[in-house]
All heavy atoms as atom14 arrays in JSON, in Angstrom:
{
  "sequence": "CVSHTTRSPRPGEVDGVQYHFVSVEAFESMV",
  "atom14_mask": [
    [1, 1, 1, 1, 1, 1, 0, 0, 0, 0, 0, 0, 0, 0],
    [1, 1, 1, 1, 1, 1, 1, 0, 0, 0, 0, 0, 0, 0],
    [1, 1, 1, 1, 1, 1, 0, 0, 0, 0, 0, 0, 0, 0],
    [1, 1, 1, 1, 1, 1, 1, 1, 1, 1, 0, 0, 0, 0],
    [1, 1, 1, 1, 1, 1, 1, 0, 0, 0, 0, 0, 0, 0],
    [1, 1, 1, 1, 1, 1, 1, 0, 0, 0, 0, 0, 0, 0],
    [1, 1, 1, 1, 1, 1, 1, 1, 1, 1, 1, 0, 0, 0],
    [1, 1, 1, 1, 1, 1, 0, 0, 0, 0, 0, 0, 0, 0],
    [1, 1, 1, 1, 1, 1, 1, 0, 0, 0, 0, 0, 0, 0],
    [1, 1, 1, 1, 1, 1, 1, 1, 1, 1, 1, 0, 0, 0],
    [1, 1, 1, 1, 1, 1, 1, 0, 0, 0, 0, 0, 0, 0],
    [1, 1, 1, 1, 0, 0, 0, 0, 0, 0, 0, 0, 0, 0],
    [1, 1, 1, 1, 1, 1, 1, 1, 1, 0, 0, 0, 0, 0],
    [1, 1, 1, 1, 1, 1, 1, 0, 0, 0, 0, 0, 0, 0],
    [1, 1, 1, 1, 1, 1, 1, 1, 0, 0, 0, 0, 0, 0],
    [1, 1, 1, 1, 0, 0, 0, 0, 0, 0, 0, 0, 0, 0],
    [1, 1, 1, 1, 1, 1, 1, 0, 0, 0, 0, 0, 0, 0],
    [1, 1, 1, 1, 1, 1, 1, 1, 1, 0, 0, 0, 0, 0],
    [1, 1, 1, 1, 1, 1, 1, 1, 1, 1, 1, 1, 0, 0],
    [1, 1, 1, 1, 1, 1, 1, 1, 1, 1, 0, 0, 0, 0],
    [1, 1, 1, 1, 1, 1, 1, 1, 1, 1, 1, 0, 0, 0],
    [1, 1, 1, 1, 1, 1, 1, 0, 0, 0, 0, 0, 0, 0],
    [1, 1, 1, 1, 1, 1, 0, 0, 0, 0, 0, 0, 0, 0],
    [1, 1, 1, 1, 1, 1, 1, 0, 0, 0, 0, 0, 0, 0],
    [1, 1, 1, 1, 1, 1, 1, 1, 1, 0, 0, 0, 0, 0],
    [1, 1, 1, 1, 1, 0, 0, 0, 0, 0, 0, 0, 0, 0],
    [1, 1, 1, 1, 1, 1, 1, 1, 1, 1, 1, 0, 0, 0],
    [1, 1, 1, 1, 1, 1, 1, 1, 1, 0, 0, 0, 0, 0],
    [1, 1, 1, 1, 1, 1, 0, 0, 0, 0, 0, 0, 0, 0],
    [1, 1, 1, 1, 1, 1, 1, 1, 0, 0, 0, 0, 0, 0],
    [1, 1, 1, 1, 1, 1, 1, 0, 0, 0, 0, 0, 0, 0]
  ],
  "atom14_positions": [
    [[2.31, -8.7, 19.04], [3.4, -9.56, 19.42], [4.62, -9.14, 18.65], [4.61, -9.13, 17.39], [3.07, -11.01, 19.11], [4.46, -12.16, 19.48], [0.0, 0.0, 0.0], [0.0, 0.0, 0.0], [0.0, 0.0, 0.0], [0.0, 0.0, 0.0], [0.0, 0.0, 0.0], [0.0, 0.0, 0.0], [0.0, 0.0, 0.0], [0.0, 0.0, 0.0]],
    [[5.67, -8.77, 19.34], [6.89, -8.27, 18.64], [7.71, -9.45, 18.17], [8.15, -10.29, 19.0], [7.73, -7.4, 19.58], [8.99, -6.9, 18.89], [6.93, -6.22, 20.11], [0.0, 0.0, 0.0], [0.0, 0.0, 0.0], [0.0, 0.0, 0.0], [0.0, 0.0, 0.0], [0.0, 0.0, 0.0], [0.0, 0.0, 0.0], [0.0, 0.0, 0.0]],
    [[7.9, -9.58, 16.88], [8.63, -10.68, 16.26], [10.12, -10.48, 16.34], [10.63, -9.36, 16.57], [8.16, -10.86, 14.82], [6.8, -11.14, 14.74], [0.0, 0.0, 0.0], [0.0, 0.0, 0.0], [0.0, 0.0, 0.0], [0.0, 0.0, 0.0], [0.0, 0.0, 0.0], [0.0, 0.0, 0.0], [0.0, 0.0, 0.0], [0.0, 0.0, 0.0]],
    [[10.85, -11.54, 16.1], [12.28, -11.5, 15.96], [12.69, -11.5, 14.48], [12.03, -12.1, 13.71], [12.94, -12.76, 16.63], [12.9, -12.76, 18.1], [11.72, -12.85, 18.85], [13.89, -12.62, 19.07], [12.0, -12.82, 20.15], [13.3, -12.69, 20.28], [0.0, 0.0, 0.0], [0.0, 0.0, 0.0], [0.0, 0.0, 0.0], [0.0, 0.0, 0.0]],
    [[13.73, -10.77, 14.18], [14.22, -10.71, 12.79], [15.73, -10.56, 12.76], [16.31, -9.98, 13.65], [13.55, -9.6, 12.0], [14.0, -9.65, 10.64], [13.89, -8.24, 12.56], [0.0, 0.0, 0.0], [0.0, 0.0, 0.0], [0.0, 0.0, 0.0], [0.0, 0.0, 0.0], [0.0, 0.0, 0.0], [0.0, 0.0, 0.0], [0.0, 0.0, 0.0]],
    [[16.29, -11.06, 11.66], [17.76, -10.9, 11.47], [18.06, -9.7, 10.59], [19.22, -9.42, 10.31], [18.34, -12.16, 10.81], [17.7, -12.41, 9.56], [18.14, -13.39, 11.72], [0.0, 0.0, 0.0], [0.0, 0.0, 0.0], [0.0, 0.0, 0.0], [0.0, 0.0, 0.0], [0.0, 0.0, 0.0], [0.0, 0.0, 0.0], [0.0, 0.0, 0.0]],
    [[17.05, -9.02, 10.06], [17.35, -7.87, 9.22], [17.76, -6.67, 10.09], [17.5, -6.63, 11.3], [16.11, -7.47, 8.35], [14.99, -6.78, 9.05], [14.13, -6.07, 8.02], [12.9, -5.49, 8.5], [12.84, -4.32, 9.18], [13.92, -3.67, 9.48], [11.66, -3.89, 9.58], [0.0, 0.0, 0.0], [0.0, 0.0, 0.0], [0.0, 0.0, 0.0]],
    [[18.43, -5.71, 9.45], [18.88, -4.51, 10.15], [17.75, -3.57, 10.39], [16.79, -3.52, 9.6], [19.96, -3.79, 9.33], [21.1, -4.65, 9.14], [0.0, 0.0, 0.0], [0.0, 0.0, 0.0], [0.0, 0.0, 0.0], [0.0, 0.0, 0.0], [0.0, 0.0, 0.0], [0.0, 0.0, 0.0], [0.0, 0.0, 0.0], [0.0, 0.0, 0.0]],
    [[17.77, -2.81, 11.49], [16.7, -1.83, 11.75], [16.66, -0.77, 10.68], [17.68, -0.32, 10.19], [17.09, -1.26, 13.14], [18.04, -2.25, 13.73], [18.78, -2.87, 12.6], [0.0, 0.0, 0.0], [0.0, 0.0, 0.0], [0.0, 0.0, 0.0], [0.0, 0.0, 0.0], [0.0, 0.0, 0.0], [0.0, 0.0, 0.0], [0.0, 0.0, 0.0]],
    [[15.44, -0.35, 10.32], [15.27, 0.79, 9.41], [15.33, 2.06, 10.19], [15.17, 2.0, 11.45], [13.95, 0.65, 8.65], [13.9, -0.53, 7.67], [12.53, -0.71, 7.15], [12.48, -1.84, 6.19], [11.39, -2.53, 5.88], [10.23, -2.2, 6.47], [11.42, -3.5, 5.0], [0.0, 0.0, 0.0], [0.0, 0.0, 0.0], [0.0, 0.0, 0.0]],
    [[15.53, 3.19, 9.57], [15.56, 4.49, 10.29], [14.32, 4.65, 11.14], [13.19, 4.48, 10.68], [15.64, 5.5, 9.19], [16.32, 4.78, 8.07], [15.8, 3.39, 8.14], [0.0, 0.0, 0.0], [0.0, 0.0, 0.0], [0.0, 0.0, 0.0], [0.0, 0.0, 0.0], [0.0, 0.0, 0.0], [0.0, 0.0, 0.0], [0.0, 0.0, 0.0]],
    [[14.5, 4.94, 12.46], [13.39, 5.2, 13.34], [12.92, 3.96, 14.07], [12.15, 4.07, 15.06], [0.0, 0.0, 0.0], [0.0, 0.0, 0.0], [0.0, 0.0, 0.0], [0.0, 0.0, 0.0], [0.0, 0.0, 0.0], [0.0, 0.0, 0.0], [0.0, 0.0, 0.0], [0.0, 0.0, 0.0], [0.0, 0.0, 0.0], [0.0, 0.0, 0.0]],
    [[13.31, 2.77, 13.65], [12.89, 1.54, 14.34], [13.73, 1.35, 15.61], [14.93, 1.62, 15.64], [13.06, 0.34, 13.44], [12.04, 0.35, 12.27], [12.09, -0.91, 11.45], [13.2, -1.55, 11.34], [11.06, -1.27, 10.85], [0.0, 0.0, 0.0], [0.0, 0.0, 0.0], [0.0, 0.0, 0.0], [0.0, 0.0, 0.0], [0.0, 0.0, 0.0]],
    [[13.06, 0.81, 16.65], [13.71, 0.62, 17.94], [13.61, -0.87, 18.34], [12.57, -1.51, 18.19], [13.0, 1.47, 19.02], [13.63, 1.22, 20.41], [13.03, 2.92, 18.66], [0.0, 0.0, 0.0], [0.0, 0.0, 0.0], [0.0, 0.0, 0.0], [0.0, 0.0, 0.0], [0.0, 0.0, 0.0], [0.0, 0.0, 0.0], [0.0, 0.0, 0.0]],
    [[14.72, -1.4, 18.75], [14.75, -2.82, 19.18], [13.76, -3.05, 20.29], [13.71, -2.31, 21.26], [16.14, -3.18, 19.65], [16.29, -4.65, 20.01], [15.74, -5.5, 19.26], [16.88, -4.95, 21.06], [0.0, 0.0, 0.0], [0.0, 0.0, 0.0], [0.0, 0.0, 0.0], [0.0, 0.0, 0.0], [0.0, 0.0, 0.0], [0.0, 0.0, 0.0]],
    [[12.91, -4.09, 20.09], [11.91, -4.4, 21.13], [10.59, -3.72, 20.87], [9.61, -4.02, 21.59], [0.0, 0.0, 0.0], [0.0, 0.0, 0.0], [0.0, 0.0, 0.0], [0.0, 0.0, 0.0], [0.0, 0.0, 0.0], [0.0, 0.0, 0.0], [0.0, 0.0, 0.0], [0.0, 0.0, 0.0], [0.0, 0.0, 0.0], [0.0, 0.0, 0.0]],
    [[10.54, -2.77, 19.95], [9.3, -2.11, 19.61], [8.73, -2.63, 18.31], [7.67, -3.26, 18.28], [9.5, -0.57, 19.55], [8.18, 0.14, 19.17], [9.99, -0.05, 20.88], [0.0, 0.0, 0.0], [0.0, 0.0, 0.0], [0.0, 0.0, 0.0], [0.0, 0.0, 0.0], [0.0, 0.0, 0.0], [0.0, 0.0, 0.0], [0.0, 0.0, 0.0]],
    [[9.42, -2.34, 17.22], [9.01, -2.87, 15.89], [9.36, -4.35, 15.81], [8.54, -5.16, 15.41], [9.64, -2.1, 14.78], [9.04, -0.71, 14.51], [9.56, 0.3, 15.5], [10.59, 0.12, 16.15], [8.83, 1.4, 15.65], [0.0, 0.0, 0.0], [0.0, 0.0, 0.0], [0.0, 0.0, 0.0], [0.0, 0.0, 0.0], [0.0, 0.0, 0.0]],
    [[10.57, -4.7, 16.17], [11.07, -6.07, 16.14], [12.11, -6.24, 17.24], [12.66, -5.27, 17.76], [11.78, -6.38, 14.82], [10.86, -6.54, 13.63], [10.62, -5.5, 12.74], [10.21, -7.76, 13.34], [9.79, -5.63, 11.64], [9.39, -7.93, 12.26], [9.16, -6.85, 11.38], [8.32, -7.03, 10.32], [0.0, 0.0, 0.0], [0.0, 0.0, 0.0]],
    [[12.4, -7.52, 17.58], [13.6, -7.87, 18.34], [14.65, -8.17, 17.27], [14.57, -9.15, 16.56], [13.34, -9.09, 19.21], [12.34, -8.9, 20.26], [12.56, -8.0, 21.33], [11.1, -9.45, 20.47], [11.47, -8.02, 22.11], [10.6, -8.89, 21.63], [0.0, 0.0, 0.0], [0.0, 0.0, 0.0], [0.0, 0.0, 0.0], [0.0, 0.0, 0.0]],
    [[15.63, -7.3, 17.14], [16.66, -7.47, 16.12], [17.78, -8.34, 16.65], [18.43, -7.97, 17.67], [17.18, -6.12, 15.66], [16.17, -5.21, 15.01], [15.49, -4.23, 15.74], [15.77, -5.42, 13.69], [14.55, -3.42, 15.15], [14.81, -4.63, 13.08], [14.2, -3.62, 13.84], [0.0, 0.0, 0.0], [0.0, 0.0, 0.0], [0.0, 0.0, 0.0]],
    [[17.98, -9.49, 16.01], [18.98, -10.44, 16.52], [19.9, -10.88, 15.37], [19.58, -10.69, 14.2], [18.33, -11.68, 17.13], [17.47, -11.29, 18.33], [17.46, -12.44, 16.1], [0.0, 0.0, 0.0], [0.0, 0.0, 0.0], [0.0, 0.0, 0.0], [0.0, 0.0, 0.0], [0.0, 0.0, 0.0], [0.0, 0.0, 0.0], [0.0, 0.0, 0.0]],
    [[21.01, -11.48, 15.71], [21.93, -11.99, 14.71], [21.42, -13.31, 14.14], [20.52, -13.93, 14.73], [23.33, -12.23, 15.35], [23.25, -13.27, 16.33], [0.0, 0.0, 0.0], [0.0, 0.0, 0.0], [0.0, 0.0, 0.0], [0.0, 0.0, 0.0], [0.0, 0.0, 0.0], [0.0, 0.0, 0.0], [0.0, 0.0, 0.0], [0.0, 0.0, 0.0]],
    [[21.98, -13.7, 13.02], [21.59, -14.99, 12.41], [21.89, -16.12, 13.37], [21.13, -17.07, 13.54], [22.33, -15.21, 11.07], [22.06, -16.6, 10.54], [21.88, -14.17, 10.04], [0.0, 0.0, 0.0], [0.0, 0.0, 0.0], [0.0, 0.0, 0.0], [0.0, 0.0, 0.0], [0.0, 0.0, 0.0], [0.0, 0.0, 0.0], [0.0, 0.0, 0.0]],
    [[23.05, -16.02, 14.06], [23.42, -17.07, 14.98], [22.43, -17.18, 16.17], [22.06, -18.29, 16.53], [24.86, -16.8, 15.56], [25.99, -16.89, 14.55], [26.02, -15.7, 13.55], [25.43, -14.63, 13.86], [26.64, -15.87, 12.49], [0.0, 0.0, 0.0], [0.0, 0.0, 0.0], [0.0, 0.0, 0.0], [0.0, 0.0, 0.0], [0.0, 0.0, 0.0]],
    [[22.01, -16.03, 16.66], [21.06, -16.09, 17.76], [19.74, -16.63, 17.34], [19.01, -17.35, 18.05], [20.87, -14.66, 18.34], [0.0, 0.0, 0.0], [0.0, 0.0, 0.0], [0.0, 0.0, 0.0], [0.0, 0.0, 0.0], [0.0, 0.0, 0.0], [0.0, 0.0, 0.0], [0.0, 0.0, 0.0], [0.0, 0.0, 0.0], [0.0, 0.0, 0.0]],
    [[19.32, -16.24, 16.12], [18.07, -16.73, 15.56], [18.08, -18.25, 15.39], [17.16, -18.96, 15.78], [17.76, -16.08, 14.2], [16.37, -16.26, 13.71], [15.38, -15.34, 13.95], [16.01, -17.41, 12.96], [14.1, -15.55, 13.49], [14.74, -17.61, 12.48], [13.77, -16.66, 12.76], [0.0, 0.0, 0.0], [0.0, 0.0, 0.0], [0.0, 0.0, 0.0]],
    [[19.18, -18.74, 14.81], [19.34, -20.2, 14.62], [19.33, -20.96, 15.94], [18.81, -22.07, 16.03], [20.62, -20.47, 13.82], [20.51, -20.01, 12.35], [21.84, -20.21, 11.61], [22.87, -20.37, 12.29], [21.81, -20.22, 10.36], [0.0, 0.0, 0.0], [0.0, 0.0, 0.0], [0.0, 0.0, 0.0], [0.0, 0.0, 0.0], [0.0, 0.0, 0.0]],
    [[19.89, -20.31, 16.94], [19.9, -20.93, 18.28], [18.46, -21.07, 18.84], [18.09, -22.09, 19.44], [20.75, -20.11, 19.24], [20.72, -20.65, 20.54], [0.0, 0.0, 0.0], [0.0, 0.0, 0.0], [0.0, 0.0, 0.0], [0.0, 0.0, 0.0], [0.0, 0.0, 0.0], [0.0, 0.0, 0.0], [0.0, 0.0, 0.0], [0.0, 0.0, 0.0]],
    [[17.68, -20.03, 18.59], [16.26, -20.07, 19.03], [15.5, -21.11, 18.28], [14.61, -21.82, 18.87], [15.6, -18.69, 18.89], [16.18, -17.63, 19.81], [15.35, -16.02, 19.62], [13.73, -16.38, 20.31], [0.0, 0.0, 0.0], [0.0, 0.0, 0.0], [0.0, 0.0, 0.0], [0.0, 0.0, 0.0], [0.0, 0.0, 0.0], [0.0, 0.0, 0.0]],
    [[15.79, -21.32, 17.01], [15.13, -22.35, 16.21], [15.48, -23.73, 16.8], [14.57, -24.58, 16.96], [15.54, -22.28, 14.73], [15.05, -23.52, 13.97], [15.04, -21.01, 14.08], [0.0, 0.0, 0.0], [0.0, 0.0, 0.0], [0.0, 0.0, 0.0], [0.0, 0.0, 0.0], [0.0, 0.0, 0.0], [0.0, 0.0, 0.0], [0.0, 0.0, 0.0]]
  ]
}
């Protein structure tokens, strides 16, 4: 299950593969 995170992607990481990378505002909205 691909989790959501507010941290920045590390080298080689792809959005939707390792994590769903979102802003703090978007994360708080989901909460």
